[in-house]
PDB file of N, CA and C in Angstrom:
ATOM      1  N   MET A   1      39.272  25.594   0.025  1.00  0.00           N
ATOM      2  CA  MET A   1      38.164  26.329  -0.097  1.00  0.00           C
ATOM      3  C   MET A   1      38.087  26.934   1.537  1.00  0.00           C
ATOM      4  N   THR A   2      37.413  28.229   1.182  1.00  0.00           N
ATOM      5  CA  THR A   2      37.366  29.074   2.615  1.00  0.00           C
ATOM      6  C   THR A   2      36.291  28.574   3.163  1.00  0.00           C
ATOM      7  N   PRO A   3      36.290  28.600   4.576  1.00  0.00           N
ATOM      8  CA  PRO A   3      35.221  28.482   5.659  1.00  0.00           C
ATOM      9  C   PRO A   3      33.439  29.036   5.027  1.00  0.00           C
ATOM     10  N   SER A   4      33.699  29.976   4.399  1.00  0.00           N
ATOM     11  CA  SER A   4      32.249  30.537   4.074  1.00  0.00           C
ATOM     12  C   SER A   4      31.689  29.937   2.798  1.00  0.00           C
ATOM     13  N   SER A   5      32.984  29.369   1.952  1.00  0.00           N
ATOM     14  CA  SER A   5      32.644  28.776   0.728  1.00  0.00           C
ATOM     15  C   SER A   5      32.195  27.484   0.853  1.00  0.00           C
ATOM     16  N   GLU A   6      32.652  26.991   1.836  1.00  0.00           N
ATOM     17  CA  GLU A   6      32.307  25.570   2.298  1.00  0.00           C
ATOM     18  C   GLU A   6      30.718  25.864   3.026  1.00  0.00           C
ATOM     19  N   ALA A   7      30.537  26.455   3.561  1.00  0.00           N
ATOM     20  CA  ALA A   7      29.402  26.665   4.501  1.00  0.00           C
ATOM     21  C   ALA A   7      28.214  26.972   3.540  1.00  0.00           C
ATOM     22  N   THR A   8      28.282  28.105   2.105  1.00  0.00           N
ATOM     23  CA  THR A   8      27.409  28.155   1.065  1.00  0.00           C
ATOM     24  C   THR A   8      27.469  26.770   0.360  1.00  0.00           C
ATOM     25  N   LEU A   9      28.394  26.023   0.543  1.00  0.00           N
ATOM     26  CA  LEU A   9      28.353  25.041  -0.613  1.00  0.00           C
ATOM     27  C   LEU A   9      27.518  23.947   0.348  1.00  0.00           C
ATOM     28  N   ASN A  10      27.711  23.595   1.430  1.00  0.00           N
ATOM     29  CA  ASN A  10      26.797  23.109   2.350  1.00  0.00           C
ATOM     30  C   ASN A  10      25.623  23.243   2.631  1.00  0.00           C
ATOM     31  N   GLN A  11      25.161  24.417   2.391  1.00  0.00           N
ATOM     32  CA  GLN A  11      23.532  25.042   2.466  1.00  0.00           C
ATOM     33  C   GLN A  11      23.231  24.625   1.214  1.00  0.00           C
ATOM     34  N   SER A  12      23.783  24.758   0.123  1.00  0.00           N
ATOM     35  CA  SER A  12      23.551  24.306  -1.281  1.00  0.00           C
ATOM     36  C   SER A  12      23.126  22.997  -1.385  1.00  0.00           C
ATOM     37  N   GLN A  13      23.730  22.027  -0.889  1.00  0.00           N
ATOM     38  CA  GLN A  13      23.681  20.678  -1.037  1.00  0.00           C
ATOM     39  C   GLN A  13      22.453  20.312   0.025  1.00  0.00           C
ATOM     40  N   ALA A  14      22.308  21.022   1.223  1.00  0.00           N
ATOM     41  CA  ALA A  14      21.222  20.623   1.920  1.00  0.00           C
ATOM     42  C   ALA A  14      19.583  21.133   1.362  1.00  0.00           C
ATOM     43  N   GLN A  15      19.871  22.254   0.669  1.00  0.00           N
ATOM     44  CA  GLN A  15      18.424  22.448   0.100  1.00  0.00           C
ATOM     45  C   GLN A  15      18.346  21.858  -1.471  1.00  0.00           C
ATOM     46  N   GLN A  16      19.221  20.846  -2.161  1.00  0.00           N
ATOM     47  CA  GLN A  16      19.180  20.114  -3.072  1.00  0.00           C
ATOM     48  C   GLN A  16      18.939  18.829  -2.545  1.00  0.00           C
ATOM     49  N   LYS A  17      19.250  18.298  -1.379  1.00  0.00           N
ATOM     50  CA  LYS A  17      19.043  17.203  -0.889  1.00  0.00           C
ATOM     51  C   LYS A  17      17.254  16.839  -0.985  1.00  0.00           C
ATOM     52  N   PRO A  18      16.498  17.847  -0.467  1.00  0.00           N
ATOM     53  CA  PRO A  18      15.297  17.149  -0.357  1.00  0.00           C
ATOM     54  C   PRO A  18      14.381  17.397  -1.714  1.00  0.00           C
ATOM     55  N   VAL A  19      15.105  18.083  -2.443  1.00  0.00           N
ATOM     56  CA  VAL A  19      14.600  18.086  -3.931  1.00  0.00           C
ATOM     57  C   VAL A  19      15.055  16.697  -4.881  1.00  0.00           C
ATOM     58  N   GLU A  20      15.952  16.150  -4.354  1.00  0.00           N
ATOM     59  CA  GLU A  20      16.434  14.906  -4.948  1.00  0.00           C
ATOM     60  C   GLU A  20      15.846  13.762  -4.280  1.00  0.00           C
ATOM     61  N   LEU A  21      15.341  14.014  -3.010  1.00  0.00           N
ATOM     62  CA  LEU A  21      14.720  12.834  -2.201  1.00  0.00           C
ATOM     63  C   LEU A  21      13.063  12.859  -2.964  1.00  0.00           C
ATOM     64  N   GLU A  22      12.302  14.045  -3.115  1.00  0.00           N
ATOM     65  CA  GLU A  22      11.364  14.485  -3.604  1.00  0.00           C
ATOM     66  C   GLU A  22      11.265  13.641  -4.866  1.00  0.00           C
ATOM     67  N   GLN A  23      12.263  13.870  -5.738  1.00  0.00           N
ATOM     68  CA  GLN A  23      12.310  13.504  -7.073  1.00  0.00           C
ATOM     69  C   GLN A  23      12.575  11.515  -6.999  1.00  0.00           C
ATOM     70  N   GLU A  24      13.367  11.251  -6.168  1.00  0.00           N
ATOM     71  CA  GLU A  24      13.198   9.923  -5.717  1.00  0.00           C
ATOM     72  C   GLU A  24      12.050   9.162  -5.492  1.00  0.00           C
ATOM     73  N   ARG A  25      11.214   9.803  -4.687  1.00  0.00           N
ATOM     74  CA  ARG A  25       9.972   9.351  -4.396  1.00  0.00           C
ATOM     75  C   ARG A  25       9.005   9.239  -5.256  1.00  0.00           C
ATOM     76  N   ILE A  26       9.044  10.260  -6.335  1.00  0.00           N
ATOM     77  CA  ILE A  26       8.140  10.195  -7.348  1.00  0.00           C
ATOM     78  C   ILE A  26       8.491   9.359  -8.499  1.00  0.00           C
ATOM     79  N   ASP A  27       9.761   8.809  -8.668  1.00  0.00           N
ATOM     80  CA  ASP A  27      10.348   8.138  -9.632  1.00  0.00           C
ATOM     81  C   ASP A  27       9.695   6.619  -9.008  1.00  0.00           C
ATOM     82  N   SER A  28      10.217   6.385  -7.783  1.00  0.00           N
ATOM     83  CA  SER A  28       9.525   5.211  -7.009  1.00  0.00           C
ATOM     84  C   SER A  28       8.033   5.025  -7.390  1.00  0.00           C
ATOM     85  N   CYS A  29       7.050   6.120  -7.088  1.00  0.00           N
ATOM     86  CA  CYS A  29       6.020   6.419  -7.066  1.00  0.00           C
ATOM     87  C   CYS A  29       5.420   5.874  -8.508  1.00  0.00           C
ATOM     88  N   ARG A  30       5.942   6.420  -9.608  1.00  0.00           N
ATOM     89  CA  ARG A  30       5.708   5.885 -11.202  1.00  0.00           C
ATOM     90  C   ARG A  30       5.957   4.437 -11.468  1.00  0.00           C
ATOM     91  N   GLU A  31       7.001   4.144 -11.046  1.00  0.00           N
ATOM     92  CA  GLU A  31       7.358   2.628 -11.230  1.00  0.00           C
ATOM     93  C   GLU A  31       6.419   1.828 -10.590  1.00  0.00           C
ATOM     94  N   ALA A  32       5.768   2.319  -9.398  1.00  0.00           N
ATOM     95  CA  ALA A  32       5.044   1.343  -8.969  1.00  0.00           C
ATOM     96  C   ALA A  32       3.673   1.220  -9.582  1.00  0.00           C
ATOM     97  N   LEU A  33       3.252   2.701 -10.032  1.00  0.00           N
ATOM     98  CA  LEU A  33       2.044   2.768 -10.861  1.00  0.00           C
ATOM     99  C   LEU A  33       2.296   2.077 -12.214  1.00  0.00           C
ATOM    100  N   GLU A  34       3.526   1.904 -12.844  1.00  0.00           N
ATOM    101  CA  GLU A  34       3.791   1.123 -13.930  1.00  0.00           C
ATOM    102  C   GLU A  34       3.015  -0.404 -13.734  1.00  0.00           C
ATOM    103  N   SER A  35       3.688  -0.807 -12.774  1.00  0.00           N
ATOM    104  CA  SER A  35       3.705  -1.845 -12.318  1.00  0.00           C
ATOM    105  C   SER A  35       2.353  -2.294 -12.003  1.00  0.00           C
ATOM    106  N   LEU A  36       1.345  -1.583 -11.126  1.00  0.00           N
ATOM    107  CA  LEU A  36       0.221  -1.869 -10.867  1.00  0.00           C
ATOM    108  C   LEU A  36      -0.442  -1.650 -12.238  1.00  0.00           C
ATOM    109  N   LYS A  37      -0.474  -0.789 -13.455  1.00  0.00           N
ATOM    110  CA  LYS A  37      -1.049  -1.001 -14.528  1.00  0.00           C
ATOM    111  C   LYS A  37      -0.798  -2.343 -15.348  1.00  0.00           C
ATOM    112  N   GLU A  38       0.228  -3.155 -15.242  1.00  0.00           N
ATOM    113  CA  GLU A  38       0.317  -4.327 -15.647  1.00  0.00           C
ATOM    114  C   GLU A  38      -0.980  -5.444 -14.732  1.00  0.00           C
ATOM    115  N   VAL A  39      -0.849  -5.121 -13.592  1.00  0.00           N
ATOM    116  CA  VAL A  39      -1.580  -6.159 -12.633  1.00  0.00           C
ATOM    117  C   VAL A  39      -2.697  -6.110 -12.596  1.00  0.00           C
ATOM    118  N   ASN A  40      -3.382  -4.479 -12.423  1.00  0.00           N
ATOM    119  CA  ASN A  40      -4.600  -4.277 -12.273  1.00  0.00           C
ATOM    120  C   ASN A  40      -4.717  -3.019 -13.310  1.00  0.00           C
ATOM    121  N   PRO A  41      -5.013  -3.033 -14.439  1.00  0.00           N
ATOM    122  CA  PRO A  41      -4.970  -2.364 -15.523  1.00  0.00           C
ATOM    123  C   PRO A  41      -6.232  -1.098 -15.271  1.00  0.00           C
ATOM    124  N   LYS A  42      -7.380  -1.560 -14.646  1.00  0.00           N
ATOM    125  CA  LYS A  42      -8.557  -0.465 -14.476  1.00  0.00           C
ATOM    126  C   LYS A  42      -8.079   0.232 -12.889  1.00  0.00           C
ATOM    127  N   GLN A  43      -7.615  -0.283 -12.171  1.00  0.00           N
ATOM    128  CA  GLN A  43      -6.933   0.697 -11.302  1.00  0.00           C
ATOM    129  C   GLN A  43      -5.841   1.423 -11.468  1.00  0.00           C
ATOM    130  N   GLY A  44      -4.857   1.251 -12.134  1.00  0.00           N
ATOM    131  CA  GLY A  44      -3.937   1.662 -12.792  1.00  0.00           C
ATOM    132  C   GLY A  44      -3.848   2.735 -13.596  1.00  0.00           C
ATOM    133  N   GLU A  45      -5.007   2.731 -14.468  1.00  0.00           N
ATOM    134  CA  GLU A  45      -5.762   3.739 -15.239  1.00  0.00           C
ATOM    135  C   GLU A  45      -6.058   4.842 -14.250  1.00  0.00           C
ATOM    136  N   LEU A  46      -6.957   4.544 -13.390  1.00  0.00           N
ATOM    137  CA  LEU A  46      -7.604   5.443 -12.401  1.00  0.00           C
ATOM    138  C   LEU A  46      -6.400   6.284 -11.697  1.00  0.00           C
ATOM    139  N   LEU A  47      -5.758   5.367 -11.034  1.00  0.00           N
ATOM    140  CA  LEU A  47      -4.821   6.292 -10.165  1.00  0.00           C
ATOM    141  C   LEU A  47      -3.903   6.878 -10.982  1.00  0.00           C
ATOM    142  N   GLY A  48      -3.251   6.489 -12.149  1.00  0.00           N
ATOM    143  CA  GLY A  48      -2.711   7.033 -12.975  1.00  0.00           C
ATOM    144  C   GLY A  48      -3.087   8.235 -13.639  1.00  0.00           C
ATOM    145  N   ASN A  49      -4.564   8.618 -13.875  1.00  0.00           N
ATOM    146  CA  ASN A  49      -5.043   9.542 -14.260  1.00  0.00           C
ATOM    147  C   ASN A  49      -4.737  10.782 -12.914  1.00  0.00           C
ATOM    148  N   ASN A  50      -5.372  10.226 -11.528  1.00  0.00           N
ATOM    149  CA  ASN A  50      -4.868  11.247 -10.613  1.00  0.00           C
ATOM    150  C   ASN A  50      -3.327  11.584 -10.209  1.00  0.00           C
ATOM    151  N   PHE A  51      -2.789  10.861 -11.140  1.00  0.00           N
ATOM    152  CA  PHE A  51      -1.196  10.891 -10.633  1.00  0.00           C
ATOM    153  C   PHE A  51      -0.660  12.198 -11.824  1.00  0.00           C
ATOM    154  N   THR A  52      -1.301  12.121 -12.994  1.00  0.00           N
ATOM    155  CA  THR A  52      -1.083  12.898 -14.109  1.00  0.00           C
ATOM    156  C   THR A  52      -1.645  14.625 -13.647  1.00  0.00           C
ATOM    157  N   ALA A  53      -2.960  14.028 -13.130  1.00  0.00           N
ATOM    158  CA  ALA A  53      -3.398  15.621 -12.856  1.00  0.00           C
ATOM    159  C   ALA A  53      -2.664  15.950 -11.720  1.00  0.00           C
ATOM    160  N   LEU A  54      -2.046  15.543 -10.701  1.00  0.00           N
ATOM    161  CA  LEU A  54      -1.557  15.930  -9.616  1.00  0.00           C
ATOM    162  C   LEU A  54      -0.021  16.646 -10.167  1.00  0.00           C
ATOM    163  N   ILE A  55       0.597  15.820 -11.172  1.00  0.00           N
ATOM    164  CA  ILE A  55       1.996  16.220 -11.723  1.00  0.00           C
ATOM    165  C   ILE A  55       1.453  17.681 -12.302  1.00  0.00           C
ATOM    166  N   GLY A  56       0.702  17.722 -13.255  1.00  0.00           N
ATOM    167  CA  GLY A  56       0.317  18.765 -13.932  1.00  0.00           C
ATOM    168  C   GLY A  56      -0.219  20.083 -13.085  1.00  0.00           C
ATOM    169  N   ALA A  57      -1.065  20.019 -11.858  1.00  0.00           N
ATOM    170  CA  ALA A  57      -0.817  20.897 -11.124  1.00  0.00           C
ATOM    171  C   ALA A  57       0.186  21.629 -10.184  1.00  0.00           C
ATOM    172  N   ALA A  58       0.883  20.602  -9.926  1.00  0.00           N
ATOM    173  CA  ALA A  58       2.522  20.759  -9.409  1.00  0.00           C
ATOM    174  C   ALA A  58       3.159  21.694 -10.082  1.00  0.00           C
ATOM    175  N   SER A  59       3.231  21.334 -11.553  1.00  0.00           N
ATOM    176  CA  SER A  59       4.147  21.685 -12.323  1.00  0.00           C
ATOM    177  C   SER A  59       3.380  23.138 -12.593  1.00  0.00           C
ATOM    178  N   GLN A  60       2.401  23.355 -12.615  1.00  0.00           N
ATOM    179  CA  GLN A  60       1.471  24.591 -13.015  1.00  0.00           C
ATOM    180  C   GLN A  60       1.841  25.895 -11.802  1.00  0.00           C
ATOM    181  N   TYR A  61       1.907  25.050 -10.628  1.00  0.00           N
ATOM    182  CA  TYR A  61       2.092  25.920  -9.732  1.00  0.00           C
ATOM    183  C   TYR A  61       3.575  26.252  -9.402  1.00  0.00           C
ATOM    184  N   ASN A  62       4.487  25.221  -9.815  1.00  0.00           N
ATOM    185  CA  ASN A  62       5.929  25.427  -9.786  1.00  0.00           C
ATOM    186  C   ASN A  62       6.232  26.613 -10.365  1.00  0.00           C
ATOM    187  N   SER A  63       5.550  26.771 -11.747  1.00  0.00           N
ATOM    188  CA  SER A  63       5.915  27.814 -12.406  1.00  0.00           C
ATOM    189  C   SER A  63       5.710  29.238 -11.971  1.00  0.00           C
ATOM    190  N   VAL A  64       4.802  29.374 -10.759  1.00  0.00           N
ATOM    191  CA  VAL A  64       4.606  30.616 -10.328  1.00  0.00           C
ATOM    192  C   VAL A  64       5.105  30.728  -9.096  1.00  0.00           C
ATOM    193  N   ARG A  65       5.552  29.643  -8.419  1.00  0.00           N
ATOM    194  CA  ARG A  65       5.859  29.780  -6.908  1.00  0.00           C
ATOM    195  C   ARG A  65       6.917  30.782  -6.665  1.00  0.00           C
ATOM    196  N   GLY A  66       7.791  31.076  -7.658  1.00  0.00           N
ATOM    197  CA  GLY A  66       8.743  32.216  -6.887  1.00  0.00           C
ATOM    198  C   GLY A  66       7.904  33.602  -6.653  1.00  0.00           C
ATOM    199  N   LYS A  67       6.846  33.824  -7.290  1.00  0.00           N
ATOM    200  CA  LYS A  67       6.102  34.676  -7.198  1.00  0.00           C
ATOM    201  C   LYS A  67       5.116  34.906  -6.014  1.00  0.00           C
ATOM    202  N   VAL A  68       4.926  33.884  -5.247  1.00  0.00           N
ATOM    203  CA  VAL A  68       4.174  33.662  -4.091  1.00  0.00           C
ATOM    204  C   VAL A  68       4.553  34.094  -2.854  1.00  0.00           C
ATOM    205  N   ALA A  69       4.179  34.795  -1.965  1.00  0.00           N
ATOM    206  CA  ALA A  69       4.627  35.067  -0.623  1.00  0.00           C
ATOM    207  C   ALA A  69       5.348  33.828   0.231  1.00  0.00           C
ATOM    208  N   GLU A  70       6.214  34.111   0.924  1.00  0.00           N
ATOM    209  CA  GLU A  70       6.553  32.799   1.675  1.00  0.00           C
ATOM    210  C   GLU A  70       5.711  32.178   2.350  1.00  0.00           C
ATOM    211  N   PRO A  71       4.654  32.483   3.354  1.00  0.00           N
ATOM    212  CA  PRO A  71       3.882  31.656   4.100  1.00  0.00           C
ATOM    213  C   PRO A  71       2.711  31.068   3.091  1.00  0.00           C
ATOM    214  N   THR A  72       2.506  31.538   1.929  1.00  0.00           N
ATOM    215  CA  THR A  72       1.567  31.105   1.078  1.00  0.00           C
ATOM    216  C   THR A  72       2.306  29.640   0.651  1.00  0.00           C
ATOM    217  N   ARG A  73       3.800  30.092   0.148  1.00  0.00           N
ATOM    218  CA  ARG A  73       4.330  29.097  -0.459  1.00  0.00           C
ATOM    219  C   ARG A  73       4.628  27.968   0.454  1.00  0.00           C
ATOM    220  N   GLN A  74       5.030  28.148   1.605  1.00  0.00           N
ATOM    221  CA  GLN A  74       4.812  26.816   2.840  1.00  0.00           C
ATOM    222  C   GLN A  74       3.737  26.346   2.683  1.00  0.00           C
ATOM    223  N   GLY A  75       2.467  26.921   2.873  1.00  0.00           N
ATOM    224  CA  GLY A  75       1.184  26.027   2.823  1.00  0.00           C
ATOM    225  C   GLY A  75       1.032  25.086   1.506  1.00  0.00           C
ATOM    226  N   ILE A  76       1.399  25.828   0.504  1.00  0.00           N
ATOM    227  CA  ILE A  76       0.970  24.879  -0.785  1.00  0.00           C
ATOM    228  C   ILE A  76       2.158  24.104  -1.040  1.00  0.00           C
ATOM    229  N   ASP A  77       3.132  23.892  -0.788  1.00  0.00           N
ATOM    230  CA  ASP A  77       4.282  23.344  -0.848  1.00  0.00           C
ATOM    231  C   ASP A  77       4.018  22.148   0.065  1.00  0.00           C
ATOM    232  N   SER A  78       3.573  22.174   1.389  1.00  0.00           N
ATOM    233  CA  SER A  78       3.183  21.291   2.216  1.00  0.00           C
ATOM    234  C   SER A  78       1.893  20.432   1.847  1.00  0.00           C
ATOM    235  N   MET A  79       0.879  21.240   1.205  1.00  0.00           N
ATOM    236  CA  MET A  79      -0.335  20.631   0.653  1.00  0.00           C
ATOM    237  C   MET A  79       0.313  19.562  -0.701  1.00  0.00           C
ATOM    238  N   TYR A  80       1.107  20.241  -1.273  1.00  0.00           N
ATOM    239  CA  TYR A  80       1.548  19.207  -2.625  1.00  0.00           C
ATOM    240  C   TYR A  80       2.259  18.037  -1.937  1.00  0.00           C
ATOM    241  N   GLN A  81       3.254  18.680  -1.177  1.00  0.00           N
ATOM    242  CA  GLN A  81       3.634  17.153  -0.764  1.00  0.00           C
ATOM    243  C   GLN A  81       3.005  16.182   0.137  1.00  0.00           C
ATOM    244  N   PHE A  82       1.896  16.534   0.666  1.00  0.00           N
ATOM    245  CA  PHE A  82       0.792  15.461   1.443  1.00  0.00           C
ATOM    246  C   PHE A  82       0.318  14.849   0.341  1.00  0.00           C
ATOM    247  N   LYS A  83      -0.243  15.264  -0.661  1.00  0.00           N
ATOM    248  CA  LYS A  83      -1.006  15.243  -1.588  1.00  0.00           C
ATOM    249  C   LYS A  83      -0.161  13.838  -2.392  1.00  0.00           C
ATOM    250  N   SER A  84       1.133  14.089  -2.895  1.00  0.00           N
ATOM    251  CA  SER A  84       1.697  13.308  -3.534  1.00  0.00           C
ATOM    252  C   SER A  84       2.071  11.997  -2.813  1.00  0.00           C
ATOM    253  N   ILE A  85       2.674  12.227  -1.267  1.00  0.00           N
ATOM    254  CA  ILE A  85       2.577  11.217  -0.265  1.00  0.00           C
ATOM    255  C   ILE A  85       1.487  10.393  -0.370  1.00  0.00           C
ATOM    256  N   LYS A  86       0.527  10.752  -0.263  1.00  0.00           N
ATOM    257  CA  LYS A  86      -0.923  10.321  -0.113  1.00  0.00           C
ATOM    258  C   LYS A  86      -1.255   9.062  -1.253  1.00  0.00           C
ATOM    259  N   LEU A  87      -1.026  10.105  -2.545  1.00  0.00           N
ATOM    260  CA  LEU A  87      -1.280   9.120  -3.763  1.00  0.00           C
ATOM    261  C   LEU A  87      -0.256   8.144  -3.814  1.00  0.00           C
ATOM    262  N   CYS A  88       0.704   8.189  -3.382  1.00  0.00           N
ATOM    263  CA  CYS A  88       1.822   7.287  -3.579  1.00  0.00           C
ATOM    264  C   CYS A  88       1.423   6.045  -2.758  1.00  0.00           C
ATOM    265  N   ALA A  89       1.082   6.379  -1.613  1.00  0.00           N
ATOM    266  CA  ALA A  89       0.864   5.462  -0.875  1.00  0.00           C
ATOM    267  C   ALA A  89      -0.697   4.548  -1.123  1.00  0.00           C
ATOM    268  N   ASP A  90      -1.393   5.265  -1.601  1.00  0.00           N
ATOM    269  CA  ASP A  90      -2.451   4.921  -2.293  1.00  0.00           C
ATOM    270  C   ASP A  90      -2.107   3.768  -3.893  1.00  0.00           C
ATOM    271  N   ILE A  91      -1.146   4.156  -4.252  1.00  0.00           N
ATOM    272  CA  ILE A  91      -0.707   3.166  -5.500  1.00  0.00           C
ATOM    273  C   ILE A  91      -0.203   2.034  -5.019  1.00  0.00           C
ATOM    274  N   GLU A  92       0.741   2.172  -3.974  1.00  0.00           N
ATOM    275  CA  GLU A  92       1.563   0.985  -3.273  1.00  0.00           C
ATOM    276  C   GLU A  92       0.473   0.155  -2.962  1.00  0.00           C
ATOM    277  N   LYS A  93      -0.386   0.637  -1.994  1.00  0.00           N
ATOM    278  CA  LYS A  93      -1.137  -0.320  -1.271  1.00  0.00           C
ATOM    279  C   LYS A  93      -2.226  -0.929  -2.267  1.00  0.00           C
ATOM    280  N   GLU A  94      -2.491  -0.431  -3.602  1.00  0.00           N
ATOM    281  CA  GLU A  94      -3.309  -0.968  -4.415  1.00  0.00           C
ATOM    282  C   GLU A  94      -2.563  -2.080  -5.030  1.00  0.00           C
ATOM    283  N   LEU A  95      -1.393  -1.480  -5.471  1.00  0.00           N
ATOM    284  CA  LEU A  95      -0.506  -2.788  -6.244  1.00  0.00           C
ATOM    285  C   LEU A  95      -0.453  -4.135  -5.321  1.00  0.00           C
ATOM    286  N   ILE A  96      -0.152  -3.792  -4.060  1.00  0.00           N
ATOM    287  CA  ILE A  96       0.122  -4.951  -2.707  1.00  0.00           C
ATOM    288  C   ILE A  96      -1.200  -5.721  -2.806  1.00  0.00           C
ATOM    289  N   ASP A  97      -2.372  -5.060  -2.688  1.00  0.00           N
ATOM    290  CA  ASP A  97      -3.666  -5.691  -2.518  1.00  0.00           C
ATOM    291  C   ASP A  97      -3.912  -6.367  -4.006  1.00  0.00           C
ATOM    292  N   SER A  98      -3.622  -5.907  -5.102  1.00  0.00           N
ATOM    293  CA  SER A  98      -4.005  -6.904  -6.356  1.00  0.00           C
ATOM    294  C   SER A  98      -2.864  -7.956  -6.574  1.00  0.00           C
ATOM    295  N   LEU A  99      -1.723  -7.811  -5.944  1.00  0.00           N
ATOM    296  CA  LEU A  99      -0.546  -8.935  -6.220  1.00  0.00           C
ATOM    297  C   LEU A  99      -1.026 -10.038  -4.995  1.00  0.00           C
ATOM    298  N   VAL A 100      -1.586  -9.537  -3.873  1.00  0.00           N
ATOM    299  CA  VAL A 100      -1.964 -10.575  -3.159  1.00  0.00           C
ATOM    300  C   VAL A 100      -3.373 -11.382  -3.499  1.00  0.00           C
ATOM    301  N   LYS A 101      -4.447 -10.626  -4.108  1.00  0.00           N
ATOM    302  CA  LYS A 101      -5.507 -11.219  -4.904  1.00  0.00           C
ATOM    303  C   LYS A 101      -5.108 -12.279  -5.977  1.00  0.00           C
ATOM    304  N   ARG A 102      -4.122 -11.882  -6.845  1.00  0.00           N
ATOM    305  CA  ARG A 102      -3.924 -12.792  -7.799  1.00  0.00           C
ATOM    306  C   ARG A 102      -2.897 -14.002  -7.024  1.00  0.00           C
ATOM    307  N   GLY A 103      -2.168 -13.665  -6.049  1.00  0.00           N
ATOM    308  CA  GLY A 103      -1.571 -15.043  -5.426  1.00  0.00           C
ATOM    309  C   GLY A 103      -2.738 -15.978  -4.758  1.00  0.00           C
ATOM    310  N   GLU A 104      -3.635 -15.248  -4.054  1.00  0.00           N
ATOM    311  CA  GLU A 104      -4.913 -16.153  -3.607  1.00  0.00           C
ATOM    312  C   GLU A 104      -5.691 -17.112  -4.316  1.00  0.00           C
ATOM    313  N   ASN A 105      -5.594 -16.768  -5.622  1.00  0.00           N
ATOM    314  CA  ASN A 105      -6.254 -17.198  -6.738  1.00  0.00           C
ATOM    315  C   ASN A 105      -5.626 -18.484  -7.631  1.00  0.00           C
ATOM    316  N   ILE A 106      -4.191 -18.697  -7.040  1.00  0.00           N
ATOM    317  CA  ILE A 106      -3.433 -19.708  -7.529  1.00  0.00           C
ATOM    318  C   ILE A 106      -4.046 -20.792  -6.712  1.00  0.00           C
ATOM    319  N   PRO A 107      -4.684 -21.792  -7.645  1.00  0.00           N
ATOM    320  CA  PRO A 107      -4.974 -23.126  -6.709  1.00  0.00           C
ATOM    321  C   PRO A 107      -3.669 -23.879  -6.434  1.00  0.00           C
ATOM    322  N   LEU A 108      -3.737 -24.792  -5.420  1.00  0.00           N
ATOM    323  CA  LEU A 108      -2.703 -25.272  -4.804  1.00  0.00           C
ATOM    324  C   LEU A 108      -2.859 -26.834  -4.997  1.00  0.00           C
TER     325      LEU A 108
END
């Protein structure tokens, strides 16, 4: 392997890594959401609707992302990243709170 092809491969891997990490985070969030739906169906449905709406909007943006100017793309990418991190944190928090409430209601 030549140094330039190795550098290209490393650059490609570096670009792929954030995408893979993002996908892992979304998958983990989806699993937490499924657990929340079992533990607290009402909140699970509410946050599930928000999750579905966010994924739908991000997918629609992704279809035109290549046609958007770089500064705009950076801003919109950051917005979706923030929104997904925030929503996943809300899902995790609600799951923890719901599990704690269930545990506290067990008589000893």
